[in-house]
PDB file of N, CA and C in Angstrom:
ATOM      1  N   MET A   1      37.757  65.070  14.379  1.00  0.00           N
ATOM      2  CA  MET A   1      36.958  64.113  13.123  1.00  0.00           C
ATOM      3  C   MET A   1      37.148  64.897  11.932  1.00  0.00           C
ATOM      4  N   ALA A   2      37.376  64.858  10.724  1.00  0.00           N
ATOM      5  CA  ALA A   2      37.300  65.670   9.698  1.00  0.00           C
ATOM      6  C   ALA A   2      35.911  66.057   9.202  1.00  0.00           C
ATOM      7  N   THR A   3      35.557  67.309   8.280  1.00  0.00           N
ATOM      8  CA  THR A   3      34.766  67.948   7.916  1.00  0.00           C
ATOM      9  C   THR A   3      34.438  66.739   6.623  1.00  0.00           C
ATOM     10  N   PHE A   4      33.052  66.612   5.923  1.00  0.00           N
ATOM     11  CA  PHE A   4      32.588  66.185   4.643  1.00  0.00           C
ATOM     12  C   PHE A   4      33.605  66.634   4.007  1.00  0.00           C
ATOM     13  N   GLU A   5      33.726  68.019   3.279  1.00  0.00           N
ATOM     14  CA  GLU A   5      34.764  68.471   2.836  1.00  0.00           C
ATOM     15  C   GLU A   5      35.892  67.791   2.627  1.00  0.00           C
ATOM     16  N   GLU A   6      36.712  67.502   3.650  1.00  0.00           N
ATOM     17  CA  GLU A   6      37.969  67.898   3.957  1.00  0.00           C
ATOM     18  C   GLU A   6      37.923  66.017   3.474  1.00  0.00           C
ATOM     19  N   GLN A   7      36.802  64.699   3.850  1.00  0.00           N
ATOM     20  CA  GLN A   7      36.948  63.760   3.115  1.00  0.00           C
ATOM     21  C   GLN A   7      37.270  63.044   2.332  1.00  0.00           C
ATOM     22  N   LEU A   8      36.228  64.367   1.727  1.00  0.00           N
ATOM     23  CA  LEU A   8      35.685  64.144   0.081  1.00  0.00           C
ATOM     24  C   LEU A   8      37.522  64.535  -0.523  1.00  0.00           C
ATOM     25  N   LYS A   9      38.244  65.888  -0.476  1.00  0.00           N
ATOM     26  CA  LYS A   9      39.328  65.724  -1.109  1.00  0.00           C
ATOM     27  C   LYS A   9      40.453  64.748  -0.877  1.00  0.00           C
ATOM     28  N   SER A  10      40.349  64.594   0.466  1.00  0.00           N
ATOM     29  CA  SER A  10      41.206  62.933   0.632  1.00  0.00           C
ATOM     30  C   SER A  10      40.810  62.087  -0.237  1.00  0.00           C
ATOM     31  N   LEU A  11      39.650  61.848  -0.489  1.00  0.00           N
ATOM     32  CA  LEU A  11      38.973  60.813  -1.335  1.00  0.00           C
ATOM     33  C   LEU A  11      39.402  61.205  -2.591  1.00  0.00           C
ATOM     34  N   GLU A  12      39.399  62.060  -3.406  1.00  0.00           N
ATOM     35  CA  GLU A  12      39.997  62.523  -4.432  1.00  0.00           C
ATOM     36  C   GLU A  12      40.860  62.643  -4.577  1.00  0.00           C
ATOM     37  N   SER A  13      42.231  63.017  -3.654  1.00  0.00           N
ATOM     38  CA  SER A  13      43.335  62.106  -3.856  1.00  0.00           C
ATOM     39  C   SER A  13      43.854  60.817  -3.490  1.00  0.00           C
ATOM     40  N   VAL A  14      43.289  60.184  -2.894  1.00  0.00           N
ATOM     41  CA  VAL A  14      43.477  58.938  -3.010  1.00  0.00           C
ATOM     42  C   VAL A  14      42.855  58.232  -4.531  1.00  0.00           C
ATOM     43  N   VAL A  15      41.962  58.764  -5.201  1.00  0.00           N
ATOM     44  CA  VAL A  15      41.702  58.467  -6.199  1.00  0.00           C
ATOM     45  C   VAL A  15      42.356  58.619  -7.558  1.00  0.00           C
ATOM     46  N   GLU A  16      43.333  59.932  -7.329  1.00  0.00           N
ATOM     47  CA  GLU A  16      43.747  60.075  -8.294  1.00  0.00           C
ATOM     48  C   GLU A  16      45.425  59.114  -8.155  1.00  0.00           C
ATOM     49  N   ARG A  17      45.632  59.725  -6.701  1.00  0.00           N
ATOM     50  CA  ARG A  17      46.965  58.320  -6.875  1.00  0.00           C
ATOM     51  C   ARG A  17      46.799  56.702  -7.279  1.00  0.00           C
ATOM     52  N   LEU A  18      45.655  56.087  -6.756  1.00  0.00           N
ATOM     53  CA  LEU A  18      45.648  55.053  -8.083  1.00  0.00           C
ATOM     54  C   LEU A  18      45.342  55.019  -9.582  1.00  0.00           C
ATOM     55  N   GLU A  19      44.578  56.197  -9.606  1.00  0.00           N
ATOM     56  CA  GLU A  19      44.567  55.934 -11.461  1.00  0.00           C
ATOM     57  C   GLU A  19      46.060  56.504 -12.102  1.00  0.00           C
ATOM     58  N   LYS A  20      46.963  56.748 -11.364  1.00  0.00           N
ATOM     59  CA  LYS A  20      48.215  56.885 -11.820  1.00  0.00           C
ATOM     60  C   LYS A  20      48.714  55.976 -11.957  1.00  0.00           C
ATOM     61  N   GLY A  21      48.447  54.198 -11.419  1.00  0.00           N
ATOM     62  CA  GLY A  21      48.947  53.012 -11.466  1.00  0.00           C
ATOM     63  C   GLY A  21      50.485  52.730 -11.388  1.00  0.00           C
ATOM     64  N   ASP A  22      51.447  53.822 -10.671  1.00  0.00           N
ATOM     65  CA  ASP A  22      52.556  53.109 -10.589  1.00  0.00           C
ATOM     66  C   ASP A  22      52.867  53.231  -8.983  1.00  0.00           C
ATOM     67  N   LEU A  23      51.730  52.593  -7.950  1.00  0.00           N
ATOM     68  CA  LEU A  23      52.064  52.103  -6.834  1.00  0.00           C
ATOM     69  C   LEU A  23      52.412  50.767  -6.707  1.00  0.00           C
ATOM     70  N   PRO A  24      53.201  50.521  -5.763  1.00  0.00           N
ATOM     71  CA  PRO A  24      53.488  48.759  -5.296  1.00  0.00           C
ATOM     72  C   PRO A  24      52.292  48.163  -5.087  1.00  0.00           C
ATOM     73  N   LEU A  25      52.137  47.307  -5.116  1.00  0.00           N
ATOM     74  CA  LEU A  25      50.783  46.349  -4.914  1.00  0.00           C
ATOM     75  C   LEU A  25      50.181  46.915  -3.367  1.00  0.00           C
ATOM     76  N   GLU A  26      51.277  46.622  -2.166  1.00  0.00           N
ATOM     77  CA  GLU A  26      50.813  46.886  -1.417  1.00  0.00           C
ATOM     78  C   GLU A  26      50.318  48.396  -0.685  1.00  0.00           C
ATOM     79  N   GLU A  27      51.105  49.147  -1.433  1.00  0.00           N
ATOM     80  CA  GLU A  27      50.375  50.652  -0.942  1.00  0.00           C
ATOM     81  C   GLU A  27      49.121  51.152  -1.964  1.00  0.00           C
ATOM     82  N   SER A  28      49.265  50.645  -3.007  1.00  0.00           N
ATOM     83  CA  SER A  28      47.508  50.443  -3.765  1.00  0.00           C
ATOM     84  C   SER A  28      46.539  49.906  -3.128  1.00  0.00           C
ATOM     85  N   LEU A  29      46.715  48.716  -2.490  1.00  0.00           N
ATOM     86  CA  LEU A  29      45.755  48.352  -1.492  1.00  0.00           C
ATOM     87  C   LEU A  29      45.513  49.043  -0.067  1.00  0.00           C
ATOM     88  N   ALA A  30      46.567  49.447   0.233  1.00  0.00           N
ATOM     89  CA  ALA A  30      46.857  50.118   1.613  1.00  0.00           C
ATOM     90  C   ALA A  30      45.327  51.435   1.141  1.00  0.00           C
ATOM     91  N   LEU A  31      46.072  52.173   0.188  1.00  0.00           N
ATOM     92  CA  LEU A  31      45.053  53.403  -0.508  1.00  0.00           C
ATOM     93  C   LEU A  31      43.514  52.936  -0.802  1.00  0.00           C
ATOM     94  N   PHE A  32      43.528  51.783  -1.375  1.00  0.00           N
ATOM     95  CA  PHE A  32      42.142  51.311  -1.278  1.00  0.00           C
ATOM     96  C   PHE A  32      41.181  51.020  -0.462  1.00  0.00           C
ATOM     97  N   GLU A  33      41.718  50.609   0.560  1.00  0.00           N
ATOM     98  CA  GLU A  33      40.996  50.289   2.056  1.00  0.00           C
ATOM     99  C   GLU A  33      40.774  52.248   2.048  1.00  0.00           C
ATOM    100  N   GLN A  34      41.857  52.911   2.332  1.00  0.00           N
ATOM    101  CA  GLN A  34      41.267  54.354   2.166  1.00  0.00           C
ATOM    102  C   GLN A  34      40.664  54.600   2.164  1.00  0.00           C
ATOM    103  N   GLY A  35      40.794  54.322   0.795  1.00  0.00           N
ATOM    104  CA  GLY A  35      39.392  54.947  -0.158  1.00  0.00           C
ATOM    105  C   GLY A  35      38.272  54.540  -0.098  1.00  0.00           C
ATOM    106  N   VAL A  36      37.866  53.390   0.522  1.00  0.00           N
ATOM    107  CA  VAL A  36      36.439  53.010   0.563  1.00  0.00           C
ATOM    108  C   VAL A  36      36.047  53.327   1.741  1.00  0.00           C
ATOM    109  N   ALA A  37      36.747  53.624   2.907  1.00  0.00           N
ATOM    110  CA  ALA A  37      36.852  54.276   4.481  1.00  0.00           C
ATOM    111  C   ALA A  37      36.089  55.770   3.880  1.00  0.00           C
ATOM    112  N   LEU A  38      36.605  55.797   3.427  1.00  0.00           N
ATOM    113  CA  LEU A  38      36.270  57.199   3.354  1.00  0.00           C
ATOM    114  C   LEU A  38      35.229  57.311   2.753  1.00  0.00           C
ATOM    115  N   SER A  39      34.768  57.194   1.273  1.00  0.00           N
ATOM    116  CA  SER A  39      33.519  56.543   0.942  1.00  0.00           C
ATOM    117  C   SER A  39      32.520  56.513   1.533  1.00  0.00           C
ATOM    118  N   GLU A  40      32.194  55.412   2.150  1.00  0.00           N
ATOM    119  CA  GLU A  40      31.420  55.134   3.198  1.00  0.00           C
ATOM    120  C   GLU A  40      31.170  55.773   4.475  1.00  0.00           C
ATOM    121  N   SER A  41      31.941  56.695   4.524  1.00  0.00           N
ATOM    122  CA  SER A  41      32.016  57.888   5.338  1.00  0.00           C
ATOM    123  C   SER A  41      31.535  59.512   4.748  1.00  0.00           C
ATOM    124  N   CYS A  42      31.581  59.402   3.776  1.00  0.00           N
ATOM    125  CA  CYS A  42      30.800  60.129   2.837  1.00  0.00           C
ATOM    126  C   CYS A  42      29.418  59.807   2.736  1.00  0.00           C
ATOM    127  N   LYS A  43      29.074  58.974   2.622  1.00  0.00           N
ATOM    128  CA  LYS A  43      27.941  58.269   2.145  1.00  0.00           C
ATOM    129  C   LYS A  43      27.175  58.786   3.474  1.00  0.00           C
ATOM    130  N   LYS A  44      27.444  57.961   4.234  1.00  0.00           N
ATOM    131  CA  LYS A  44      26.509  58.185   5.545  1.00  0.00           C
ATOM    132  C   LYS A  44      26.313  59.836   6.176  1.00  0.00           C
ATOM    133  N   GLU A  45      27.208  60.941   5.856  1.00  0.00           N
ATOM    134  CA  GLU A  45      27.319  62.355   5.671  1.00  0.00           C
ATOM    135  C   GLU A  45      25.744  62.350   4.916  1.00  0.00           C
ATOM    136  N   LEU A  46      26.216  62.167   3.691  1.00  0.00           N
ATOM    137  CA  LEU A  46      24.962  62.545   2.675  1.00  0.00           C
ATOM    138  C   LEU A  46      23.974  62.265   3.057  1.00  0.00           C
ATOM    139  N   ASP A  47      24.087  60.905   3.514  1.00  0.00           N
ATOM    140  CA  ASP A  47      22.322  60.138   3.789  1.00  0.00           C
ATOM    141  C   ASP A  47      22.047  61.176   4.932  1.00  0.00           C
ATOM    142  N   ALA A  48      22.239  61.111   6.259  1.00  0.00           N
ATOM    143  CA  ALA A  48      21.971  61.944   6.898  1.00  0.00           C
ATOM    144  C   ALA A  48      21.712  63.359   6.878  1.00  0.00           C
ATOM    145  N   ALA A  49      22.299  64.109   5.953  1.00  0.00           N
ATOM    146  CA  ALA A  49      21.869  65.665   5.197  1.00  0.00           C
ATOM    147  C   ALA A  49      20.281  65.097   4.777  1.00  0.00           C
ATOM    148  N   GLU A  50      20.387  64.339   3.693  1.00  0.00           N
ATOM    149  CA  GLU A  50      19.395  64.096   3.250  1.00  0.00           C
ATOM    150  C   GLU A  50      18.046  64.250   3.720  1.00  0.00           C
ATOM    151  N   GLY A  51      18.256  63.222   5.179  1.00  0.00           N
ATOM    152  CA  GLY A  51      17.284  62.881   5.691  1.00  0.00           C
ATOM    153  C   GLY A  51      16.800  64.318   6.226  1.00  0.00           C
ATOM    154  N   ARG A  52      18.039  64.697   7.042  1.00  0.00           N
ATOM    155  CA  ARG A  52      17.462  66.190   7.509  1.00  0.00           C
ATOM    156  C   ARG A  52      16.760  67.248   6.309  1.00  0.00           C
ATOM    157  N   VAL A  53      17.235  67.394   5.287  1.00  0.00           N
ATOM    158  CA  VAL A  53      16.261  67.677   4.358  1.00  0.00           C
ATOM    159  C   VAL A  53      14.810  67.367   4.025  1.00  0.00           C
ATOM    160  N   GLN A  54      14.639  66.593   3.878  1.00  0.00           N
ATOM    161  CA  GLN A  54      13.502  65.550   3.710  1.00  0.00           C
ATOM    162  C   GLN A  54      12.705  65.956   4.922  1.00  0.00           C
ATOM    163  N   VAL A  55      13.247  65.960   6.151  1.00  0.00           N
ATOM    164  CA  VAL A  55      12.662  66.329   7.390  1.00  0.00           C
ATOM    165  C   VAL A  55      11.738  67.856   7.071  1.00  0.00           C
ATOM    166  N   LEU A  56      12.745  68.544   6.799  1.00  0.00           N
ATOM    167  CA  LEU A  56      12.744  70.615   6.854  1.00  0.00           C
ATOM    168  C   LEU A  56      11.387  70.490   5.645  1.00  0.00           C
ATOM    169  N   LEU A  57      11.736  69.463   4.676  1.00  0.00           N
ATOM    170  CA  LEU A  57      10.491  69.689   3.454  1.00  0.00           C
ATOM    171  C   LEU A  57       8.874  68.970   4.235  1.00  0.00           C
ATOM    172  N   GLN A  58       9.274  68.238   4.428  1.00  0.00           N
ATOM    173  CA  GLN A  58       8.143  67.733   4.874  1.00  0.00           C
ATOM    174  C   GLN A  58       7.193  68.619   5.960  1.00  0.00           C
ATOM    175  N   ARG A  59       8.049  69.208   6.962  1.00  0.00           N
ATOM    176  CA  ARG A  59       7.472  70.268   8.061  1.00  0.00           C
ATOM    177  C   ARG A  59       7.230  71.287   7.190  1.00  0.00           C
ATOM    178  N   GLY A  60       7.849  71.831   5.873  1.00  0.00           N
ATOM    179  CA  GLY A  60       7.371  72.991   5.347  1.00  0.00           C
ATOM    180  C   GLY A  60       6.190  72.824   4.642  1.00  0.00           C
ATOM    181  N   ARG A  61       6.063  71.790   4.061  1.00  0.00           N
ATOM    182  CA  ARG A  61       4.973  71.574   3.426  1.00  0.00           C
ATOM    183  C   ARG A  61       3.499  71.755   4.459  1.00  0.00           C
ATOM    184  N   LYS A  62       3.635  70.944   5.853  1.00  0.00           N
ATOM    185  CA  LYS A  62       2.730  70.796   7.002  1.00  0.00           C
ATOM    186  C   LYS A  62       2.434  72.395   7.306  1.00  0.00           C
ATOM    187  N   MET A  63       3.448  73.250   7.276  1.00  0.00           N
ATOM    188  CA  MET A  63       3.656  74.692   7.534  1.00  0.00           C
ATOM    189  C   MET A  63       2.740  75.336   6.639  1.00  0.00           C
ATOM    190  N   GLU A  64       3.125  75.115   5.305  1.00  0.00           N
ATOM    191  CA  GLU A  64       2.195  76.044   4.369  1.00  0.00           C
ATOM    192  C   GLU A  64       1.182  75.162   3.892  1.00  0.00           C
ATOM    193  N   ALA A  65       0.603  73.813   4.576  1.00  0.00           N
ATOM    194  CA  ALA A  65      -0.854  73.629   4.315  1.00  0.00           C
ATOM    195  C   ALA A  65      -1.808  74.070   4.935  1.00  0.00           C
ATOM    196  N   GLU A  66      -1.095  74.436   6.345  1.00  0.00           N
ATOM    197  CA  GLU A  66      -1.592  75.201   7.847  1.00  0.00           C
ATOM    198  C   GLU A  66      -2.207  76.514   6.993  1.00  0.00           C
ATOM    199  N   ASP A  67      -0.839  77.283   6.718  1.00  0.00           N
ATOM    200  CA  ASP A  67      -1.226  78.574   6.705  1.00  0.00           C
ATOM    201  C   ASP A  67      -2.216  79.320   5.500  1.00  0.00           C
ATOM    202  N   LEU A  68      -2.328  78.220   4.490  1.00  0.00           N
ATOM    203  CA  LEU A  68      -3.012  78.083   3.517  1.00  0.00           C
ATOM    204  C   LEU A  68      -4.938  77.840   3.704  1.00  0.00           C
ATOM    205  N   THR A  69      -4.948  77.100   4.532  1.00  0.00           N
ATOM    206  CA  THR A  69      -6.212  76.610   5.248  1.00  0.00           C
ATOM    207  C   THR A  69      -7.438  77.418   5.351  1.00  0.00           C
ATOM    208  N   LEU A  70      -8.544  77.783   4.591  1.00  0.00           N
ATOM    209  CA  LEU A  70      -9.281  78.742   5.038  1.00  0.00           C
ATOM    210  C   LEU A  70     -10.452  78.295   5.603  1.00  0.00           C
ATOM    211  N   SER A  71     -11.184  79.208   6.531  1.00  0.00           N
ATOM    212  CA  SER A  71     -12.055  78.854   7.348  1.00  0.00           C
ATOM    213  C   SER A  71     -13.471  79.345   6.413  1.00  0.00           C
ATOM    214  N   GLU A  72     -14.620  78.023   7.053  1.00  0.00           N
ATOM    215  CA  GLU A  72     -16.059  78.283   5.608  1.00  0.00           C
ATOM    216  C   GLU A  72     -16.347  79.961   5.782  1.00  0.00           C
ATOM    217  N   ASP A  73     -15.562  80.561   7.057  1.00  0.00           N
ATOM    218  CA  ASP A  73     -16.491  82.062   6.848  1.00  0.00           C
ATOM    219  C   ASP A  73     -15.763  82.893   5.908  1.00  0.00           C
ATOM    220  N   GLU A  74     -15.244  82.718   5.236  1.00  0.00           N
ATOM    221  CA  GLU A  74     -14.198  83.585   4.698  1.00  0.00           C
ATOM    222  C   GLU A  74     -14.700  83.493   3.043  1.00  0.00           C
TER     223      GLU A  74
END
């Protein structure tokens, strides 16, 4: 399976080829389909990464809050 970076480069390549506008219709449609699939795959990976970051941030806040809690004796 391709990495996120590889998929993103492929998507950029597809967009560049489509933007030129000199492709036959069938080839343009095939590239468009490929681009949509790559875009969806990249979005899923970004969403998963964002979820992981949110979990880490929440854990960090909880740990920080615990570390900053002072007892009444102090």
